[in-house]
Amino acid sequence: MAVERRLERDFIGYCGLIDRDATPGEPEIAYELFRAILGHGYATEAARAVRDAAAVTGRSRLWAGVRLCNTASLRVLTKLGFVSSGHVDEDAERGDMILMTCRLARPI
């Protein structure tokens, strides 16, 4: 889904879910925002909205893959309740990627 700022009404990136064959019913959350607007909480706000929408659909868990060098994204995911799955894909060229998971609370 497109991420837009409310006041400026401009496109600043995307955030959504990606279904993977290996984890049916447990999609991966993905987001990417323009560098110029990083550090203003937009990634956290967008990812929180997508996480909460996923919980309403009855999903029980989300996944996220993030490079260990991407400390900002690691902070966003941690704020949203993601924890390390213990699985790291080693990549000497682009940096190791950790897989994180988030258990979703069932809406009341």
N, C-alpha and C. Protein backbone atom coordinates (compact mmCIF):
# COMPACT_ATOMS: atom_id res chain seq x y z
N MET A 1 0.84 -1.17 0.00
CA MET A 1 0.00 0.00 0.00
C MET A 1 0.89 1.24 0.00
N ALA A 2 0.42 2.25 -0.63
CA ALA A 2 1.15 3.52 -0.66
C ALA A 2 1.10 4.17 0.72
N VAL A 3 2.21 4.78 1.10
CA VAL A 3 2.27 5.56 2.34
C VAL A 3 2.34 7.03 1.93
N GLU A 4 1.38 7.80 2.44
CA GLU A 4 1.33 9.23 2.15
C GLU A 4 1.25 10.01 3.44
N ARG A 5 1.83 11.19 3.44
CA ARG A 5 1.68 12.08 4.60
C ARG A 5 0.33 12.76 4.51
N ARG A 6 -0.33 12.91 5.65
CA ARG A 6 -1.69 13.47 5.67
C ARG A 6 -1.73 14.92 5.19
N LEU A 7 -0.92 15.78 5.79
CA LEU A 7 -0.98 17.20 5.45
C LEU A 7 -0.47 17.48 4.05
N GLU A 8 0.69 16.91 3.71
CA GLU A 8 1.32 17.18 2.42
C GLU A 8 0.65 16.39 1.29
N ARG A 9 -0.01 15.29 1.64
CA ARG A 9 -0.66 14.41 0.68
C ARG A 9 0.31 13.95 -0.42
N ASP A 10 1.54 13.66 0.01
CA ASP A 10 2.55 13.20 -0.94
C ASP A 10 2.94 11.76 -0.65
N PHE A 11 3.30 11.05 -1.69
CA PHE A 11 3.74 9.66 -1.61
C PHE A 11 5.15 9.62 -1.02
N ILE A 12 5.36 8.82 0.05
CA ILE A 12 6.68 8.75 0.68
C ILE A 12 7.22 7.32 0.76
N GLY A 13 6.46 6.35 0.26
CA GLY A 13 6.94 4.98 0.29
C GLY A 13 5.79 3.98 0.25
N TYR A 14 6.09 2.75 0.68
CA TYR A 14 5.07 1.71 0.70
C TYR A 14 5.19 0.88 1.96
N CYS A 15 4.12 0.19 2.31
CA CYS A 15 4.11 -0.75 3.43
C CYS A 15 2.98 -1.74 3.20
N GLY A 16 3.26 -3.02 3.39
CA GLY A 16 2.22 -4.01 3.19
C GLY A 16 2.68 -5.40 3.57
N LEU A 17 1.89 -6.38 3.18
CA LEU A 17 2.17 -7.78 3.47
C LEU A 17 2.49 -8.53 2.20
N ILE A 18 3.43 -9.45 2.30
CA ILE A 18 3.82 -10.30 1.19
C ILE A 18 3.58 -11.74 1.62
N ASP A 19 2.73 -12.46 0.89
CA ASP A 19 2.52 -13.88 1.19
C ASP A 19 3.66 -14.69 0.61
N ARG A 20 4.20 -15.56 1.41
CA ARG A 20 5.28 -16.46 0.98
C ARG A 20 4.76 -17.89 1.00
N ASP A 21 5.18 -18.71 0.05
CA ASP A 21 4.74 -20.09 -0.02
C ASP A 21 5.13 -20.89 1.22
N ALA A 22 6.27 -20.57 1.81
CA ALA A 22 6.78 -21.34 2.95
C ALA A 22 5.98 -21.09 4.22
N THR A 23 5.26 -19.97 4.28
CA THR A 23 4.53 -19.63 5.50
C THR A 23 3.09 -19.21 5.17
N PRO A 24 2.25 -20.15 4.69
CA PRO A 24 0.88 -19.76 4.36
C PRO A 24 0.17 -19.22 5.60
N GLY A 25 -0.53 -18.12 5.42
CA GLY A 25 -1.24 -17.51 6.53
C GLY A 25 -0.37 -16.70 7.46
N GLU A 26 0.93 -16.70 7.23
CA GLU A 26 1.87 -15.93 8.04
C GLU A 26 2.73 -15.08 7.10
N PRO A 27 2.19 -13.97 6.61
CA PRO A 27 2.91 -13.17 5.62
C PRO A 27 4.08 -12.40 6.22
N GLU A 28 4.87 -11.88 5.32
CA GLU A 28 6.00 -11.02 5.69
C GLU A 28 5.57 -9.56 5.56
N ILE A 29 5.89 -8.75 6.56
CA ILE A 29 5.64 -7.32 6.47
C ILE A 29 6.83 -6.69 5.75
N ALA A 30 6.54 -5.78 4.85
CA ALA A 30 7.61 -5.11 4.09
C ALA A 30 7.27 -3.63 3.99
N TYR A 31 8.29 -2.81 4.12
CA TYR A 31 8.10 -1.37 3.97
C TYR A 31 9.40 -0.74 3.48
N GLU A 32 9.24 0.35 2.77
CA GLU A 32 10.38 1.12 2.30
C GLU A 32 9.91 2.56 2.11
N LEU A 33 10.65 3.47 2.72
CA LEU A 33 10.31 4.89 2.65
C LEU A 33 11.47 5.68 2.08
N PHE A 34 11.17 6.82 1.48
CA PHE A 34 12.23 7.67 0.94
C PHE A 34 13.17 8.10 2.06
N ARG A 35 14.45 8.13 1.77
CA ARG A 35 15.46 8.52 2.77
C ARG A 35 15.23 9.91 3.34
N ALA A 36 14.72 10.82 2.53
CA ALA A 36 14.55 12.21 2.97
C ALA A 36 13.58 12.37 4.13
N ILE A 37 12.68 11.39 4.34
CA ILE A 37 11.70 11.54 5.40
C ILE A 37 11.94 10.59 6.58
N LEU A 38 13.04 9.86 6.56
CA LEU A 38 13.33 8.92 7.64
C LEU A 38 13.55 9.67 8.95
N GLY A 39 13.21 8.99 10.05
CA GLY A 39 13.43 9.56 11.37
C GLY A 39 12.27 10.37 11.91
N HIS A 40 11.12 10.30 11.24
CA HIS A 40 9.95 11.06 11.68
C HIS A 40 8.82 10.16 12.17
N GLY A 41 9.07 8.85 12.27
CA GLY A 41 8.06 7.93 12.78
C GLY A 41 7.09 7.39 11.75
N TYR A 42 7.27 7.74 10.48
CA TYR A 42 6.34 7.28 9.45
C TYR A 42 6.40 5.77 9.25
N ALA A 43 7.57 5.18 9.31
CA ALA A 43 7.69 3.73 9.13
C ALA A 43 6.98 3.00 10.27
N THR A 44 7.17 3.48 11.49
CA THR A 44 6.50 2.86 12.63
C THR A 44 5.00 2.98 12.50
N GLU A 45 4.51 4.15 12.13
CA GLU A 45 3.07 4.36 12.00
C GLU A 45 2.48 3.46 10.91
N ALA A 46 3.13 3.40 9.77
CA ALA A 46 2.63 2.58 8.66
C ALA A 46 2.67 1.10 9.01
N ALA A 47 3.79 0.64 9.56
CA ALA A 47 3.92 -0.78 9.90
C ALA A 47 2.95 -1.17 11.01
N ARG A 48 2.71 -0.28 11.96
CA ARG A 48 1.74 -0.56 13.02
C ARG A 48 0.34 -0.74 12.43
N ALA A 49 -0.02 0.12 11.49
CA ALA A 49 -1.34 0.01 10.86
C ALA A 49 -1.49 -1.31 10.11
N VAL A 50 -0.44 -1.72 9.40
CA VAL A 50 -0.48 -2.97 8.65
C VAL A 50 -0.51 -4.16 9.62
N ARG A 51 0.29 -4.11 10.68
CA ARG A 51 0.28 -5.19 11.69
C ARG A 51 -1.11 -5.33 12.29
N ASP A 52 -1.72 -4.21 12.68
CA ASP A 52 -3.04 -4.25 13.31
C ASP A 52 -4.11 -4.75 12.35
N ALA A 53 -4.02 -4.36 11.08
CA ALA A 53 -4.97 -4.84 10.07
C ALA A 53 -4.81 -6.34 9.87
N ALA A 54 -3.59 -6.84 9.92
CA ALA A 54 -3.35 -8.28 9.78
C ALA A 54 -3.98 -9.06 10.92
N ALA A 55 -3.92 -8.51 12.13
CA ALA A 55 -4.52 -9.17 13.29
C ALA A 55 -6.03 -9.29 13.13
N VAL A 56 -6.66 -8.27 12.57
CA VAL A 56 -8.11 -8.27 12.38
C VAL A 56 -8.54 -9.37 11.40
N THR A 57 -7.66 -9.71 10.47
CA THR A 57 -7.99 -10.75 9.48
C THR A 57 -7.86 -12.16 10.04
N GLY A 58 -7.41 -12.27 11.29
CA GLY A 58 -7.29 -13.58 11.91
C GLY A 58 -5.91 -14.21 11.81
N ARG A 59 -4.98 -13.51 11.22
CA ARG A 59 -3.62 -14.07 11.15
C ARG A 59 -3.03 -14.12 12.56
N SER A 60 -2.15 -15.09 12.79
CA SER A 60 -1.60 -15.25 14.12
C SER A 60 -0.15 -14.78 14.24
N ARG A 61 0.53 -14.64 13.10
CA ARG A 61 1.95 -14.25 13.16
C ARG A 61 2.37 -13.59 11.87
N LEU A 62 3.28 -12.64 12.00
CA LEU A 62 3.92 -12.00 10.85
C LEU A 62 5.42 -12.27 10.92
N TRP A 63 6.05 -12.20 9.76
CA TRP A 63 7.49 -12.32 9.63
C TRP A 63 8.06 -11.01 9.10
N ALA A 64 9.34 -10.80 9.34
CA ALA A 64 10.06 -9.67 8.75
C ALA A 64 11.51 -10.08 8.59
N GLY A 65 12.06 -9.77 7.43
CA GLY A 65 13.49 -9.97 7.20
C GLY A 65 14.15 -8.60 7.19
N VAL A 66 15.22 -8.46 7.95
CA VAL A 66 15.89 -7.15 8.03
C VAL A 66 17.40 -7.38 8.15
N ARG A 67 18.14 -6.56 7.44
CA ARG A 67 19.60 -6.64 7.52
C ARG A 67 20.05 -6.15 8.89
N LEU A 68 21.00 -6.84 9.48
CA LEU A 68 21.49 -6.47 10.81
C LEU A 68 22.07 -5.06 10.85
N CYS A 69 22.56 -4.57 9.72
CA CYS A 69 23.12 -3.22 9.66
C CYS A 69 22.02 -2.14 9.62
N ASN A 70 20.78 -2.52 9.42
CA ASN A 70 19.67 -1.58 9.31
C ASN A 70 19.08 -1.34 10.71
N THR A 71 19.81 -0.60 11.52
CA THR A 71 19.41 -0.41 12.92
C THR A 71 18.07 0.32 13.05
N ALA A 72 17.78 1.25 12.14
CA ALA A 72 16.52 1.98 12.21
C ALA A 72 15.34 1.02 12.03
N SER A 73 15.43 0.13 11.06
CA SER A 73 14.35 -0.82 10.83
C SER A 73 14.25 -1.83 11.96
N LEU A 74 15.37 -2.23 12.52
CA LEU A 74 15.35 -3.12 13.68
C LEU A 74 14.61 -2.45 14.85
N ARG A 75 14.82 -1.15 15.05
CA ARG A 75 14.10 -0.41 16.11
C ARG A 75 12.61 -0.37 15.83
N VAL A 76 12.22 -0.11 14.59
CA VAL A 76 10.80 -0.08 14.22
C VAL A 76 10.16 -1.42 14.55
N LEU A 77 10.76 -2.50 14.09
CA LEU A 77 10.19 -3.83 14.30
C LEU A 77 10.12 -4.19 15.78
N THR A 78 11.14 -3.84 16.53
CA THR A 78 11.14 -4.11 17.97
C THR A 78 10.01 -3.35 18.67
N LYS A 79 9.80 -2.09 18.30
CA LYS A 79 8.69 -1.30 18.86
C LYS A 79 7.35 -1.98 18.62
N LEU A 80 7.23 -2.68 17.50
CA LEU A 80 5.97 -3.30 17.13
C LEU A 80 5.81 -4.72 17.66
N GLY A 81 6.77 -5.17 18.46
CA GLY A 81 6.66 -6.49 19.07
C GLY A 81 7.34 -7.62 18.34
N PHE A 82 8.12 -7.32 17.32
CA PHE A 82 8.87 -8.36 16.62
C PHE A 82 10.08 -8.78 17.45
N VAL A 83 10.37 -10.07 17.42
CA VAL A 83 11.53 -10.62 18.11
C VAL A 83 12.29 -11.52 17.14
N SER A 84 13.55 -11.74 17.44
CA SER A 84 14.38 -12.60 16.60
C SER A 84 13.83 -14.02 16.58
N SER A 85 13.80 -14.61 15.40
CA SER A 85 13.42 -16.01 15.27
C SER A 85 14.61 -16.92 15.54
N GLY A 86 15.80 -16.32 15.60
CA GLY A 86 17.02 -17.09 15.77
C GLY A 86 17.65 -17.50 14.45
N HIS A 87 16.98 -17.19 13.35
CA HIS A 87 17.50 -17.55 12.02
C HIS A 87 18.16 -16.34 11.37
N VAL A 88 19.41 -16.53 10.95
CA VAL A 88 20.15 -15.47 10.25
C VAL A 88 20.62 -16.02 8.92
N ASP A 89 20.30 -15.29 7.84
CA ASP A 89 20.82 -15.62 6.52
C ASP A 89 22.11 -14.83 6.33
N GLU A 90 23.23 -15.54 6.27
CA GLU A 90 24.52 -14.87 6.12
C GLU A 90 24.69 -14.37 4.69
N ASP A 91 25.18 -13.16 4.58
CA ASP A 91 25.41 -12.54 3.27
C ASP A 91 26.59 -11.58 3.40
N ALA A 92 27.77 -12.07 3.02
CA ALA A 92 28.98 -11.27 3.17
C ALA A 92 28.97 -10.03 2.28
N GLU A 93 28.24 -10.08 1.18
CA GLU A 93 28.22 -8.96 0.25
C GLU A 93 27.29 -7.83 0.69
N ARG A 94 26.06 -8.17 1.07
CA ARG A 94 25.07 -7.14 1.40
C ARG A 94 24.80 -7.00 2.90
N GLY A 95 25.31 -7.90 3.69
CA GLY A 95 25.08 -7.88 5.13
C GLY A 95 24.09 -8.97 5.54
N ASP A 96 24.34 -9.55 6.70
CA ASP A 96 23.50 -10.64 7.18
C ASP A 96 22.07 -10.15 7.43
N MET A 97 21.11 -11.04 7.18
CA MET A 97 19.70 -10.72 7.39
C MET A 97 19.14 -11.62 8.49
N ILE A 98 18.46 -10.99 9.43
CA ILE A 98 17.81 -11.74 10.50
C ILE A 98 16.32 -11.83 10.21
N LEU A 99 15.74 -12.98 10.51
CA LEU A 99 14.29 -13.15 10.38
C LEU A 99 13.67 -12.91 11.75
N MET A 100 12.67 -12.04 11.78
CA MET A 100 11.98 -11.70 13.02
C MET A 100 10.52 -12.10 12.90
N THR A 101 9.89 -12.36 14.03
CA THR A 101 8.48 -12.74 14.04
C THR A 101 7.72 -11.88 15.06
N CYS A 102 6.42 -11.79 14.83
CA CYS A 102 5.54 -11.06 15.74
C CYS A 102 4.26 -11.86 15.89
N ARG A 103 3.95 -12.25 17.11
CA ARG A 103 2.67 -12.90 17.40
C ARG A 103 1.60 -11.83 17.43
N LEU A 104 0.51 -12.09 16.76
CA LEU A 104 -0.56 -11.11 16.70
C LEU A 104 -1.64 -11.44 17.71
N ALA A 105 -2.08 -10.41 18.43
CA ALA A 105 -3.16 -10.58 19.39
C ALA A 105 -4.48 -10.65 18.64
N ARG A 106 -5.34 -11.51 19.09
CA ARG A 106 -6.68 -11.59 18.50
C ARG A 106 -7.50 -10.40 18.96
N PRO A 107 -8.16 -9.71 18.03
CA PRO A 107 -8.99 -8.58 18.44
C PRO A 107 -10.17 -9.04 19.30
N ILE A 108 -10.58 -8.18 20.18
CA ILE A 108 -11.70 -8.50 21.08
C ILE A 108 -13.01 -8.14 20.42
